C-alpha atoms as a PDB file:
ATOM      1  CA  MET A   1     -13.196 -22.320  85.470  1.00  0.00           C
ATOM      2  CA  VAL A   2     -11.819 -24.410  88.348  1.00  0.00           C
ATOM      3  CA  SER A   3      -9.474 -24.103  91.293  1.00  0.00           C
ATOM      4  CA  GLY A   4      -5.793 -25.016  91.006  1.00  0.00           C
ATOM      5  CA  ALA A   5      -6.207 -28.419  92.643  1.00  0.00           C
ATOM      6  CA  GLU A   6      -8.763 -29.442  90.011  1.00  0.00           C
ATOM      7  CA  ARG A   7      -7.116 -28.050  86.872  1.00  0.00           C
ATOM      8  CA  GLY A   8      -5.603 -31.337  85.771  1.00  0.00           C
ATOM      9  CA  THR A   9      -8.918 -33.186  85.816  1.00  0.00           C
ATOM     10  CA  ALA A  10     -10.903 -30.322  84.294  1.00  0.00           C
ATOM     11  CA  SER A  11      -8.359 -29.791  81.520  1.00  0.00           C
ATOM     12  CA  ALA A  12      -8.233 -33.522  80.868  1.00  0.00           C
ATOM     13  CA  ILE A  13     -12.010 -33.736  80.463  1.00  0.00           C
ATOM     14  CA  PHE A  14     -11.894 -30.768  78.090  1.00  0.00           C
ATOM     15  CA  ASN A  15      -8.960 -32.211  76.120  1.00  0.00           C
ATOM     16  CA  SER A  16     -10.339 -35.755  76.043  1.00  0.00           C
ATOM     17  CA  ALA A  17     -13.397 -34.568  74.147  1.00  0.00           C
ATOM     18  CA  GLN A  18     -11.298 -34.546  70.968  1.00  0.00           C
ATOM     19  CA  TYR A  19     -10.610 -38.258  71.382  1.00  0.00           C
ATOM     20  CA  PHE A  20     -14.230 -39.035  72.136  1.00  0.00           C
ATOM     21  CA  SER A  21     -15.224 -37.207  68.958  1.00  0.00           C
ATOM     22  CA  LEU A  22     -12.918 -39.534  67.006  1.00  0.00           C
ATOM     23  CA  VAL A  23     -14.535 -42.535  68.676  1.00  0.00           C
ATOM     24  CA  ALA A  24     -17.957 -41.257  67.664  1.00  0.00           C
ATOM     25  CA  PHE A  25     -17.245 -39.829  64.236  1.00  0.00           C
ATOM     26  CA  ALA A  26     -14.426 -41.882  62.690  1.00  0.00           C
ATOM     27  CA  PRO A  27     -16.752 -44.859  62.068  1.00  0.00           C
ATOM     28  CA  LEU A  28     -19.527 -42.469  60.978  1.00  0.00           C
ATOM     29  CA  MET A  29     -17.282 -40.734  58.450  1.00  0.00           C
ATOM     30  CA  GLY A  30     -16.003 -44.058  57.153  1.00  0.00           C
ATOM     31  CA  TRP A  31     -19.571 -45.232  56.640  1.00  0.00           C
ATOM     32  CA  LEU A  32     -20.590 -41.943  54.972  1.00  0.00           C
ATOM     33  CA  VAL A  33     -17.689 -42.099  52.511  1.00  0.00           C
ATOM     34  CA  HIS A  34     -18.347 -45.767  51.800  1.00  0.00           C
ATOM     35  CA  SER A  35     -22.098 -45.326  51.308  1.00  0.00           C
ATOM     36  CA  TYR A  36     -22.606 -41.784  49.970  1.00  0.00           C
ATOM     37  CA  GLY A  37     -19.205 -40.449  48.866  1.00  0.00           C
ATOM     38  CA  TRP A  38     -16.799 -37.950  50.398  1.00  0.00           C
ATOM     39  CA  ARG A  39     -19.078 -34.902  49.980  1.00  0.00           C
ATOM     40  CA  ALA A  40     -21.549 -36.345  52.485  1.00  0.00           C
ATOM     41  CA  VAL A  41     -18.917 -36.065  55.238  1.00  0.00           C
ATOM     42  CA  PHE A  42     -18.686 -32.290  54.806  1.00  0.00           C
ATOM     43  CA  TRP A  43     -22.449 -31.775  54.834  1.00  0.00           C
ATOM     44  CA  VAL A  44     -23.044 -33.927  57.914  1.00  0.00           C
ATOM     45  CA  MET A  45     -20.069 -32.668  59.928  1.00  0.00           C
ATOM     46  CA  GLY A  46     -20.871 -29.059  59.007  1.00  0.00           C
ATOM     47  CA  ALA A  47     -24.416 -29.470  60.292  1.00  0.00           C
ATOM     48  CA  ILE A  48     -23.140 -31.003  63.542  1.00  0.00           C
ATOM     49  CA  GLY A  49     -20.715 -28.082  63.929  1.00  0.00           C
ATOM     50  CA  LEU A  50     -23.525 -25.534  63.594  1.00  0.00           C
ATOM     51  CA  ALA A  51     -25.584 -27.399  66.178  1.00  0.00           C
ATOM     52  CA  ALA A  52     -22.596 -27.452  68.565  1.00  0.00           C
ATOM     53  CA  THR A  53     -22.161 -23.692  68.109  1.00  0.00           C
ATOM     54  CA  ALA A  54     -25.768 -23.085  69.112  1.00  0.00           C
ATOM     55  CA  LEU A  55     -25.329 -25.217  72.241  1.00  0.00           C
ATOM     56  CA  PHE A  56     -22.123 -23.360  73.152  1.00  0.00           C
ATOM     57  CA  VAL A  57     -23.806 -19.951  72.907  1.00  0.00           C
ATOM     58  CA  ARG A  58     -26.753 -21.163  74.932  1.00  0.00           C
ATOM     59  CA  TYR A  59     -24.982 -22.914  77.823  1.00  0.00           C
ATOM     60  CA  ILE A  60     -21.405 -21.576  78.199  1.00  0.00           C
ATOM     61  CA  HIS A  61     -21.033 -18.586  80.564  1.00  0.00           C
ATOM     62  CA  SER A  62     -18.264 -16.970  82.581  1.00  0.00           C
ATOM     63  CA  PRO A  63     -18.334 -18.006  86.268  1.00  0.00           C
ATOM     64  CA  VAL A  64     -19.692 -14.715  87.617  1.00  0.00           C
ATOM     65  CA  ARG A  65     -22.471 -14.716  85.008  1.00  0.00           C
ATOM     66  CA  HIS A  66     -23.431 -18.376  85.259  1.00  0.00           C
ATOM     67  CA  PRO A  67     -27.086 -18.694  86.336  1.00  0.00           C
ATOM     68  CA  LYS A  68     -26.513 -21.755  88.534  1.00  0.00           C
ATOM     69  CA  ILE A  69     -23.342 -20.836  90.443  1.00  0.00           C
ATOM     70  CA  ASN A  70     -23.373 -19.758  94.087  1.00  0.00           C
ATOM     71  CA  ALA A  71     -21.101 -17.591  96.233  1.00  0.00           C
ATOM     72  CA  ALA A  72     -19.347 -20.568  97.845  1.00  0.00           C
ATOM     73  CA  GLU A  73     -18.403 -21.992  94.447  1.00  0.00           C
ATOM     74  CA  LEU A  74     -17.095 -18.621  93.275  1.00  0.00           C
ATOM     75  CA  ALA A  75     -15.016 -18.277  96.430  1.00  0.00           C
ATOM     76  CA  HIS A  76     -13.621 -21.797  95.989  1.00  0.00           C
ATOM     77  CA  ILE A  77     -12.567 -21.086  92.387  1.00  0.00           C
ATOM     78  CA  GLU A  78     -11.002 -17.751  93.275  1.00  0.00           C
ATOM     79  CA  ALA A  79      -9.142 -19.199  96.268  1.00  0.00           C
ATOM     80  CA  GLY A  80      -7.572 -21.775  93.948  1.00  0.00           C
ATOM     81  CA  GLY A  81      -6.209 -19.127  91.598  1.00  0.00           C
ATOM     82  CA  GLY A  82      -9.059 -18.946  89.095  1.00  0.00           C
ATOM     83  CA  LEU A  83      -9.345 -15.541  87.423  1.00  0.00           C
ATOM     84  CA  ILE A  84     -13.090 -15.135  87.689  1.00  0.00           C
ATOM     85  CA  ARG A  85     -13.295 -11.323  87.652  1.00  0.00           C
ATOM     86  CA  MET A  86     -11.383 -10.547  84.482  1.00  0.00           C
ATOM     87  CA  GLU A  87     -14.337  -8.581  83.144  1.00  0.00           C
ATOM     88  CA  ASP A  88     -14.013  -6.011  85.943  1.00  0.00           C
ATOM     89  CA  ALA A  89     -12.290  -2.801  84.874  1.00  0.00           C
ATOM     90  CA  ALA A  90      -9.531  -3.162  87.490  1.00  0.00           C
ATOM     91  CA  ASN A  91      -8.677  -6.706  86.387  1.00  0.00           C
ATOM     92  CA  ARG A  92      -8.938  -6.494  82.619  1.00  0.00           C
ATOM     93  CA  PRO A  93      -6.005  -8.024  80.741  1.00  0.00           C
ATOM     94  CA  GLN A  94      -3.482  -5.819  79.031  1.00  0.00           C
ATOM     95  CA  ALA A  95      -4.041  -4.960  75.405  1.00  0.00           C
ATOM     96  CA  PHE A  96      -1.908  -6.780  72.871  1.00  0.00           C
ATOM     97  CA  SER A  97       1.533  -5.330  72.227  1.00  0.00           C
ATOM     98  CA  TRP A  98       4.638  -6.634  70.501  1.00  0.00           C
ATOM     99  CA  THR A  99       6.564  -5.963  73.698  1.00  0.00           C
ATOM    100  CA  ASN A 100       4.335  -8.353  75.614  1.00  0.00           C
ATOM    101  CA  LEU A 101       4.615 -10.963  72.881  1.00  0.00           C
ATOM    102  CA  ARG A 102       8.410 -10.682  72.951  1.00  0.00           C
ATOM    103  CA  GLN A 103       8.356 -11.223  76.713  1.00  0.00           C
ATOM    104  CA  LEU A 104       6.453 -14.454  76.238  1.00  0.00           C
ATOM    105  CA  LEU A 105       8.703 -15.729  73.455  1.00  0.00           C
ATOM    106  CA  ALA A 106      11.849 -14.803  75.401  1.00  0.00           C
ATOM    107  CA  ASN A 107      10.788 -16.846  78.431  1.00  0.00           C
ATOM    108  CA  ARG A 108      12.613 -20.178  78.494  1.00  0.00           C
ATOM    109  CA  MET A 109       9.916 -21.987  80.456  1.00  0.00           C
ATOM    110  CA  LEU A 110       7.161 -20.885  78.071  1.00  0.00           C
ATOM    111  CA  LEU A 111       9.242 -21.765  75.006  1.00  0.00           C
ATOM    112  CA  GLY A 112       9.761 -25.263  76.411  1.00  0.00           C
ATOM    113  CA  ILE A 113       6.030 -25.631  77.023  1.00  0.00           C
ATOM    114  CA  TYR A 114       5.252 -24.358  73.518  1.00  0.00           C
ATOM    115  CA  LEU A 115       7.738 -26.787  71.973  1.00  0.00           C
ATOM    116  CA  GLY A 116       6.254 -29.629  74.011  1.00  0.00           C
ATOM    117  CA  GLN A 117       2.760 -28.830  72.785  1.00  0.00           C
ATOM    118  CA  TYR A 118       3.960 -28.803  69.192  1.00  0.00           C
ATOM    119  CA  CYS A 119       5.600 -32.218  69.658  1.00  0.00           C
ATOM    120  CA  ILE A 120       2.560 -33.751  71.354  1.00  0.00           C
ATOM    121  CA  ASN A 121       0.322 -32.536  68.546  1.00  0.00           C
ATOM    122  CA  VAL A 122       2.523 -34.217  65.932  1.00  0.00           C
ATOM    123  CA  LEU A 123       1.061 -37.487  67.222  1.00  0.00           C
ATOM    124  CA  THR A 124      -2.449 -36.032  67.189  1.00  0.00           C
ATOM    125  CA  TYR A 125      -2.229 -34.816  63.608  1.00  0.00           C
ATOM    126  CA  PHE A 126      -0.672 -38.038  62.390  1.00  0.00           C
ATOM    127  CA  PHE A 127      -3.659 -39.838  63.817  1.00  0.00           C
ATOM    128  CA  VAL A 128      -6.335 -37.563  62.338  1.00  0.00           C
ATOM    129  CA  THR A 129      -4.711 -37.188  58.895  1.00  0.00           C
ATOM    130  CA  TRP A 130      -2.505 -40.155  57.971  1.00  0.00           C
ATOM    131  CA  PHE A 131      -3.531 -42.990  60.283  1.00  0.00           C
ATOM    132  CA  PRO A 132      -6.588 -44.102  58.247  1.00  0.00           C
ATOM    133  CA  ILE A 133      -4.493 -43.884  55.057  1.00  0.00           C
ATOM    134  CA  TYR A 134      -1.778 -45.928  56.773  1.00  0.00           C
ATOM    135  CA  LEU A 135      -4.320 -48.628  57.627  1.00  0.00           C
ATOM    136  CA  VAL A 136      -5.609 -48.699  54.034  1.00  0.00           C
ATOM    137  CA  LYS A 137      -2.359 -48.381  52.071  1.00  0.00           C
ATOM    138  CA  GLU A 138       0.110 -50.129  54.358  1.00  0.00           C
ATOM    139  CA  ARG A 139      -2.111 -52.630  56.166  1.00  0.00           C
ATOM    140  CA  GLY A 140      -4.690 -53.478  53.502  1.00  0.00           C
ATOM    141  CA  LEU A 141      -7.918 -52.439  55.265  1.00  0.00           C
ATOM    142  CA  ASN A 142     -10.786 -50.920  53.303  1.00  0.00           C
ATOM    143  CA  ILE A 143     -11.999 -47.418  54.162  1.00  0.00           C
ATOM    144  CA  MET A 144     -14.901 -48.635  56.284  1.00  0.00           C
ATOM    145  CA  GLU A 145     -12.697 -51.055  58.253  1.00  0.00           C
ATOM    146  CA  ALA A 146     -10.147 -48.269  58.774  1.00  0.00           C
ATOM    147  CA  GLY A 147     -12.841 -45.992  60.199  1.00  0.00           C
ATOM    148  CA  PHE A 148     -13.830 -48.562  62.797  1.00  0.00           C
ATOM    149  CA  ALA A 149     -10.209 -49.523  63.531  1.00  0.00           C
ATOM    150  CA  ALA A 150      -9.364 -45.861  64.205  1.00  0.00           C
ATOM    151  CA  ALA A 151     -11.992 -45.758  66.940  1.00  0.00           C
ATOM    152  CA  ALA A 152     -10.034 -48.078  69.263  1.00  0.00           C
ATOM    153  CA  PRO A 153      -6.958 -45.820  69.660  1.00  0.00           C
ATOM    154  CA  ALA A 154      -9.237 -42.811  69.976  1.00  0.00           C
ATOM    155  CA  LEU A 155     -11.166 -44.476  72.807  1.00  0.00           C
ATOM    156  CA  CYS A 156      -7.880 -45.272  74.555  1.00  0.00           C
ATOM    157  CA  GLY A 157      -6.797 -41.645  74.118  1.00  0.00           C
ATOM    158  CA  PHE A 158     -10.046 -40.545  75.757  1.00  0.00           C
ATOM    159  CA  VAL A 159      -9.491 -42.861  78.733  1.00  0.00           C
ATOM    160  CA  GLY A 160      -5.829 -41.871  78.937  1.00  0.00           C
ATOM    161  CA  GLY A 161      -6.741 -38.197  79.067  1.00  0.00           C
ATOM    162  CA  LEU A 162      -9.025 -38.753  82.043  1.00  0.00           C
ATOM    163  CA  VAL A 163      -6.414 -40.912  83.802  1.00  0.00           C
ATOM    164  CA  GLY A 164      -3.701 -38.304  83.237  1.00  0.00           C
ATOM    165  CA  GLY A 165      -5.780 -35.449  84.594  1.00  0.00           C
ATOM    166  CA  TYR A 166      -6.954 -37.354  87.662  1.00  0.00           C
ATOM    167  CA  THR A 167      -3.417 -38.597  88.365  1.00  0.00           C
ATOM    168  CA  SER A 168      -1.993 -35.091  88.045  1.00  0.00           C
ATOM    169  CA  ASP A 169      -4.439 -33.634  90.565  1.00  0.00           C
ATOM    170  CA  LEU A 170      -3.888 -36.588  92.931  1.00  0.00           C
ATOM    171  CA  LEU A 171      -0.125 -36.062  92.799  1.00  0.00           C
ATOM    172  CA  LEU A 172      -0.590 -32.350  93.446  1.00  0.00           C
ATOM    173  CA  LYS A 173      -2.696 -33.028  96.526  1.00  0.00           C
ATOM    174  CA  ARG A 174      -0.251 -35.589  97.918  1.00  0.00           C
ATOM    175  CA  THR A 175       3.054 -33.887  97.122  1.00  0.00           C
ATOM    176  CA  GLY A 176       2.169 -30.203  96.891  1.00  0.00           C
ATOM    177  CA  SER A 177       4.562 -29.998  93.908  1.00  0.00           C
ATOM    178  CA  ILE A 178       3.198 -28.675  90.633  1.00  0.00           C
ATOM    179  CA  ASP A 179       6.362 -29.966  88.917  1.00  0.00           C
ATOM    180  CA  ILE A 180       5.756 -33.555  89.997  1.00  0.00           C
ATOM    181  CA  ALA A 181       2.033 -33.334  89.351  1.00  0.00           C
ATOM    182  CA  ARG A 182       2.383 -32.179  85.745  1.00  0.00           C
ATOM    183  CA  LYS A 183       5.651 -33.773  84.642  1.00  0.00           C
ATOM    184  CA  VAL A 184       5.285 -37.334  85.957  1.00  0.00           C
ATOM    185  CA  PRO A 185       2.128 -38.138  83.928  1.00  0.00           C
ATOM    186  CA  LEU A 186       3.609 -36.356  80.922  1.00  0.00           C
ATOM    187  CA  VAL A 187       6.862 -38.333  80.930  1.00  0.00           C
ATOM    188  CA  PHE A 188       5.083 -41.644  81.549  1.00  0.00           C
ATOM    189  CA  GLY A 189       2.539 -40.935  78.824  1.00  0.00           C
ATOM    190  CA  MET A 190       5.104 -39.925  76.226  1.00  0.00           C
ATOM    191  CA  LEU A 191       7.185 -43.026  76.931  1.00  0.00           C
ATOM    192  CA  LEU A 192       4.104 -45.117  76.179  1.00  0.00           C
ATOM    193  CA  ALA A 193       3.456 -43.059  73.055  1.00  0.00           C
ATOM    194  CA  THR A 194       6.876 -43.986  71.631  1.00  0.00           C
ATOM    195  CA  LEU A 195       5.482 -47.505  71.154  1.00  0.00           C
ATOM    196  CA  ILE A 196       4.131 -46.183  67.866  1.00  0.00           C
ATOM    197  CA  ILE A 197       7.609 -46.963  66.490  1.00  0.00           C
ATOM    198  CA  ALA A 198       7.055 -50.664  67.284  1.00  0.00           C
ATOM    199  CA  CYS A 199       4.430 -50.772  64.517  1.00  0.00           C
ATOM    200  CA  VAL A 200       7.347 -50.805  62.070  1.00  0.00           C
ATOM    201  CA  PHE A 201       8.311 -54.291  63.272  1.00  0.00           C
ATOM    202  CA  VAL A 202       4.943 -56.075  63.525  1.00  0.00           C
ATOM    203  CA  GLU A 203       2.754 -57.650  60.864  1.00  0.00           C
ATOM    204  CA  GLY A 204      -0.720 -58.378  62.203  1.00  0.00           C
ATOM    205  CA  GLU A 205      -3.352 -55.666  61.795  1.00  0.00           C
ATOM    206  CA  TRP A 206      -4.747 -56.342  65.262  1.00  0.00           C
ATOM    207  CA  LEU A 207      -1.291 -55.865  66.794  1.00  0.00           C
ATOM    208  CA  VAL A 208      -0.811 -52.578  64.932  1.00  0.00           C
ATOM    209  CA  VAL A 209      -4.136 -51.281  66.223  1.00  0.00           C
ATOM    210  CA  THR A 210      -3.230 -52.462  69.750  1.00  0.00           C
ATOM    211  CA  LEU A 211       0.116 -50.643  69.686  1.00  0.00           C
ATOM    212  CA  MET A 212      -1.538 -47.526  68.310  1.00  0.00           C
ATOM    213  CA  ALA A 213      -4.138 -47.746  71.076  1.00  0.00           C
ATOM    214  CA  VAL A 214      -1.435 -47.967  73.763  1.00  0.00           C
ATOM    215  CA  ALA A 215       0.453 -45.085  72.156  1.00  0.00           C
ATOM    216  CA  PHE A 216      -2.653 -42.940  72.033  1.00  0.00           C
ATOM    217  CA  PHE A 217      -3.510 -43.847  75.625  1.00  0.00           C
ATOM    218  CA  GLY A 218      -0.075 -42.515  76.570  1.00  0.00           C
ATOM    219  CA  LYS A 219      -0.615 -39.405  74.512  1.00  0.00           C
ATOM    220  CA  GLY A 220      -3.878 -38.844  76.380  1.00  0.00           C
ATOM    221  CA  VAL A 221      -2.157 -39.262  79.755  1.00  0.00           C
ATOM    222  CA  ALA A 222       0.458 -36.687  78.724  1.00  0.00           C
ATOM    223  CA  SER A 223      -2.019 -34.128  77.409  1.00  0.00           C
ATOM    224  CA  LEU A 224      -1.830 -31.727  80.341  1.00  0.00           C
ATOM    225  CA  GLY A 225      -0.834 -28.695  78.304  1.00  0.00           C
ATOM    226  CA  TRP A 226      -3.891 -26.612  79.121  1.00  0.00           C
ATOM    227  CA  ALA A 227      -3.532 -27.354  82.821  1.00  0.00           C
ATOM    228  CA  VAL A 228       0.085 -26.195  82.607  1.00  0.00           C
ATOM    229  CA  MET A 229      -1.033 -23.051  80.783  1.00  0.00           C
ATOM    230  CA  SER A 230      -3.414 -22.282  83.633  1.00  0.00           C
ATOM    231  CA  ASP A 231      -0.511 -22.712  86.058  1.00  0.00           C
ATOM    232  CA  VAL A 232       2.003 -20.489  84.270  1.00  0.00           C
ATOM    233  CA  ALA A 233       0.208 -17.835  82.183  1.00  0.00           C
ATOM    234  CA  PRO A 234       0.726 -14.285  83.506  1.00  0.00           C
ATOM    235  CA  LYS A 235      -2.582 -12.993  84.845  1.00  0.00           C
ATOM    236  CA  GLN A 236      -2.471  -9.931  82.589  1.00  0.00           C
ATOM    237  CA  LEU A 237      -1.897 -12.001  79.424  1.00  0.00           C
ATOM    238  CA  ALA A 238      -3.728 -15.266  79.962  1.00  0.00           C
ATOM    239  CA  GLY A 239      -5.401 -15.041  76.559  1.00  0.00           C
ATOM    240  CA  LEU A 240      -2.277 -14.139  74.588  1.00  0.00           C
ATOM    241  CA  THR A 241      -0.143 -16.745  76.370  1.00  0.00           C
ATOM    242  CA  SER A 242      -2.712 -19.451  75.650  1.00  0.00           C
ATOM    243  CA  GLY A 243      -3.142 -18.229  72.090  1.00  0.00           C
ATOM    244  CA  VAL A 244       0.585 -18.561  71.371  1.00  0.00           C
ATOM    245  CA  PHE A 245       0.487 -22.003  73.022  1.00  0.00           C
ATOM    246  CA  ASN A 246      -2.374 -23.018  70.749  1.00  0.00           C
ATOM    247  CA  MET A 247      -0.578 -21.583  67.707  1.00  0.00           C
ATOM    248  CA  PHE A 248       2.509 -23.719  68.362  1.00  0.00           C
ATOM    249  CA  GLY A 249       0.293 -26.767  68.763  1.00  0.00           C
ATOM    250  CA  ASN A 250      -1.471 -26.095  65.475  1.00  0.00           C
ATOM    251  CA  VAL A 251       1.813 -25.598  63.627  1.00  0.00           C
ATOM    252  CA  ALA A 252       2.054 -29.377  63.981  1.00  0.00           C
ATOM    253  CA  GLY A 253      -1.110 -29.548  61.882  1.00  0.00           C
ATOM    254  CA  ILE A 254       0.795 -27.836  59.063  1.00  0.00           C
ATOM    255  CA  VAL A 255       4.125 -29.609  59.417  1.00  0.00           C
ATOM    256  CA  THR A 256       3.031 -33.189  60.174  1.00  0.00           C
ATOM    257  CA  PRO A 257       0.882 -33.976  57.100  1.00  0.00           C
ATOM    258  CA  ILE A 258       3.464 -32.404  54.761  1.00  0.00           C
ATOM    259  CA  VAL A 259       6.517 -34.110  56.281  1.00  0.00           C
ATOM    260  CA  ILE A 260       4.833 -37.509  56.504  1.00  0.00           C
ATOM    261  CA  GLY A 261       3.614 -37.159  52.924  1.00  0.00           C
ATOM    262  CA  PHE A 262       7.151 -36.378  51.815  1.00  0.00           C
ATOM    263  CA  ILE A 263       8.595 -39.328  53.768  1.00  0.00           C
ATOM    264  CA  VAL A 264       6.027 -41.783  52.404  1.00  0.00           C
ATOM    265  CA  GLY A 265       6.457 -40.449  48.883  1.00  0.00           C
ATOM    266  CA  ALA A 266      10.251 -40.668  49.059  1.00  0.00           C
ATOM    267  CA  THR A 267      10.518 -44.085  50.737  1.00  0.00           C
ATOM    268  CA  GLY A 268       7.314 -45.802  49.617  1.00  0.00           C
ATOM    269  CA  SER A 269       6.661 -46.833  53.225  1.00  0.00           C
ATOM    270  CA  PHE A 270       5.319 -45.457  56.506  1.00  0.00           C
ATOM    271  CA  ASP A 271       8.213 -46.880  58.546  1.00  0.00           C
ATOM    272  CA  TRP A 272      10.264 -43.681  58.792  1.00  0.00           C
ATOM    273  CA  ALA A 273       7.072 -41.666  59.208  1.00  0.00           C
ATOM    274  CA  LEU A 274       6.329 -43.624  62.385  1.00  0.00           C
ATOM    275  CA  VAL A 275       9.890 -43.044  63.576  1.00  0.00           C
ATOM    276  CA  PHE A 276       9.395 -39.319  62.892  1.00  0.00           C
ATOM    277  CA  VAL A 277       6.291 -39.278  65.092  1.00  0.00           C
ATOM    278  CA  GLY A 278       7.904 -41.361  67.854  1.00  0.00           C
ATOM    279  CA  ALA A 279      10.954 -39.103  67.944  1.00  0.00           C
ATOM    280  CA  HIS A 280       8.690 -36.170  68.758  1.00  0.00           C
ATOM    281  CA  CYS A 281       7.420 -38.069  71.798  1.00  0.00           C
ATOM    282  CA  LEU A 282      10.998 -38.221  73.099  1.00  0.00           C
ATOM    283  CA  LEU A 283      11.537 -34.552  72.233  1.00  0.00           C
ATOM    284  CA  THR A 284       8.486 -33.700  74.362  1.00  0.00           C
ATOM    285  CA  ILE A 285      10.113 -35.366  77.366  1.00  0.00           C
ATOM    286  CA  PHE A 286      13.381 -33.505  76.736  1.00  0.00           C
ATOM    287  CA  SER A 287      11.519 -30.225  76.430  1.00  0.00           C
ATOM    288  CA  PHE A 288       9.688 -30.525  79.748  1.00  0.00           C
ATOM    289  CA  LEU A 289      12.560 -32.007  81.747  1.00  0.00           C
ATOM    290  CA  VAL A 290      15.439 -29.914  80.368  1.00  0.00           C
ATOM    291  CA  ILE A 291      14.091 -26.718  78.796  1.00  0.00           C
ATOM    292  CA  VAL A 292      11.036 -25.906  80.916  1.00  0.00           C
ATOM    293  CA  GLY A 293      12.624 -26.158  84.354  1.00  0.00           C
ATOM    294  CA  PRO A 294      10.450 -25.481  87.423  1.00  0.00           C
ATOM    295  CA  ILE A 295       6.826 -24.750  86.555  1.00  0.00           C
ATOM    296  CA  ARG A 296       5.723 -21.391  87.992  1.00  0.00           C
ATOM    297  CA  ARG A 297       3.519 -18.472  87.037  1.00  0.00           C
ATOM    298  CA  VAL A 298       5.236 -15.939  84.786  1.00  0.00           C
ATOM    299  CA  GLU A 299       5.534 -12.383  86.101  1.00  0.00           C
ATOM    300  CA  LEU A 300       5.717  -9.686  83.432  1.00  0.00           C
ATOM    301  CA  ALA A 301       8.358  -7.003  83.528  1.00  0.00           C
ATOM    302  CA  ALA A 302       7.056  -3.531  84.306  1.00  0.00           C
END
């Protein structure tokens, strides 16, 4: 947990881990499939997941229970708006109720943020589901080459995530405006991400991978959703607000593979699939600039 002035960077580091995992594991999975068959991927990745779970249980603690934190650090986090004492009886979040959920879903700002997260994740789920298939079927790479080619955009997404978070916090310090700090990197990043549509018009495999890398760099820059959640979630419902946010993002994991599969099956090409993904980048910008409005913490009705 971090103070408000550091949320962009902290959230970016957290979010960029997904891109780094693609850098590390996309080539590994390509090699496993090529050398040992698809079942090997599930065994190896399952074992890594169990090891990661053990590390999480061992090293992740709430701020007040962390063995290496001191009073000055706790005070700094709390002064920046961090909710470090949620386990205390007086500060415990409200229990789930349909009334509270309706309040969240009736809030225009939150709905805009939720829609934006869905749209951003359309690009993510295209990359993790259809991008290797696109490289193999549309661009003629073999499965091992596709695994290594997928690492370049993922690495750019990782770098973009760090750049976006650092830029957001820098803008917040210099302008004092949470709107400018969160929306400027998001709009810039999503404009870059629309370059995915340019892949329709180019031929060379290296140019396709380059455009995808630039698009995923932009997506990384724009991935400030969790920082925004920390800025706007009502203190009594931080978990529920973030859970609904995550649900909307994961809906893209259901919709994107199905819609792209339908488009490719109907047209015999990925061209309109790439346009579908790029259009969601523009919809993200519309959502944050038009629907969301000023970013502020939500206050629940009594």
